[in-house]
Amino acid sequence: MTGQKAGSSVLAYMNWYRGGKNEKTYGIEGAKIYPISGEPFIGTIVVVDGKISAVGENIQIPEGAERLDGTGKFLMPGFIDAHTHIGLY
């Protein structure tokens, strides 16, 4: 799973959280990640320019990237909620 690229509803949330600006690089670390295939794990997701670039247990967050603490949070890269209202108003 290390380094696997994936789309995610977390990306939509993070884009909303950033006010529509997605030119930054940030990593969400320590979250429980539920991948589309495979077992859940505690790991890191790296987002570069608004796109998820890496998902895994031993992912390095690039130097200079914003670090977000995901401890106690759940992330589902690749999961798209077809009934979301985020960004549709």
Protein backbone atom coordinates (compact mmCIF):
# COMPACT_ATOMS: atom_id res chain seq x y z
CA MET A 1 0.00 0.00 0.00
CA THR A 2 2.95 2.33 0.55
CA GLY A 3 2.94 5.14 -1.99
CA GLN A 4 -0.36 4.12 -3.55
CA LYS A 5 -2.08 7.00 -5.31
CA ALA A 6 -5.77 7.41 -4.65
CA GLY A 7 -8.62 9.89 -5.00
CA SER A 8 -10.59 10.68 -1.89
CA SER A 9 -13.47 12.45 -0.30
CA VAL A 10 -10.90 13.70 2.22
CA LEU A 11 -9.50 15.73 -0.67
CA ALA A 12 -12.87 17.42 -1.11
CA TYR A 13 -12.95 18.18 2.59
CA MET A 14 -9.40 19.48 2.64
CA ASN A 15 -10.11 21.67 -0.42
CA TRP A 16 -13.15 23.08 1.41
CA TYR A 17 -11.11 23.47 4.61
CA ARG A 18 -8.51 25.48 2.68
CA GLY A 19 -11.17 27.74 1.12
CA GLY A 20 -10.79 26.25 -2.38
CA LYS A 21 -7.03 26.82 -2.46
CA ASN A 22 -5.16 23.64 -3.21
CA GLU A 23 -1.65 24.74 -4.20
CA LYS A 24 -0.11 23.62 -0.91
CA THR A 25 1.54 20.40 0.14
CA TYR A 26 0.46 18.83 3.40
CA GLY A 27 0.48 15.51 5.15
CA ILE A 28 -2.12 14.03 7.46
CA GLU A 29 -0.36 11.67 9.83
CA GLY A 30 -1.42 9.26 12.54
CA ALA A 31 -4.97 8.73 11.24
CA LYS A 32 -6.67 5.36 10.88
CA ILE A 33 -6.85 4.86 7.12
CA TYR A 34 -9.48 2.64 5.50
CA PRO A 35 -8.25 1.84 1.97
CA ILE A 36 -10.57 0.66 -0.79
CA SER A 37 -8.83 -2.71 -0.68
CA GLY A 38 -6.94 -4.14 2.26
CA GLU A 39 -7.14 -3.82 6.00
CA PRO A 40 -7.30 -0.51 7.88
CA PHE A 41 -4.01 0.82 9.23
CA ILE A 42 -2.56 3.81 11.07
CA GLY A 43 -0.67 5.85 8.51
CA THR A 44 -0.10 9.00 6.49
CA ILE A 45 -1.68 10.65 3.46
CA VAL A 46 0.28 13.28 1.50
CA VAL A 47 -1.59 15.83 -0.63
CA VAL A 48 0.32 17.85 -3.26
CA ASP A 49 -1.40 20.61 -5.23
CA GLY A 50 -4.85 19.34 -4.28
CA LYS A 51 -4.23 15.70 -5.24
CA ILE A 52 -3.43 12.76 -3.02
CA SER A 53 0.10 11.72 -3.94
CA ALA A 54 0.82 9.02 -1.36
CA VAL A 55 -0.99 6.79 1.13
CA GLY A 56 0.72 4.33 3.43
CA GLU A 57 2.15 3.31 6.76
CA ASN A 58 5.72 4.51 6.21
CA ILE A 59 5.20 7.61 4.06
CA GLN A 60 7.59 10.53 4.49
CA ILE A 61 5.95 13.97 4.48
CA PRO A 62 7.98 16.28 2.20
CA GLU A 63 10.13 18.92 3.85
CA GLY A 64 8.29 22.24 4.12
CA ALA A 65 4.86 20.63 3.91
CA GLU A 66 2.20 21.47 6.48
CA ARG A 67 1.72 18.61 8.94
CA LEU A 68 -1.79 17.86 10.19
CA ASP A 69 -2.37 15.56 13.15
CA GLY A 70 -4.88 12.88 12.24
CA THR A 71 -4.70 11.06 15.57
CA GLY A 72 -8.15 9.76 16.48
CA LYS A 73 -9.51 10.56 12.98
CA PHE A 74 -10.62 8.20 10.18
CA LEU A 75 -9.63 8.73 6.54
CA MET A 76 -11.05 6.86 3.56
CA PRO A 77 -8.96 7.59 0.45
CA GLY A 78 -10.82 6.53 -2.67
CA PHE A 79 -14.20 6.65 -0.96
CA ILE A 80 -16.57 9.06 -2.65
CA ASP A 81 -19.85 9.89 -0.98
CA ALA A 82 -22.33 10.32 -3.81
CA HIS A 83 -24.73 12.10 -1.47
CA THR A 84 -22.45 14.77 -0.08
CA HIS A 85 -23.33 18.46 0.03
CA ILE A 86 -19.77 19.67 0.50
CA GLY A 87 -18.98 22.32 -2.08
CA LEU A 88 -22.40 22.10 -3.75
CA TYR A 89 -23.95 25.24 -2.30
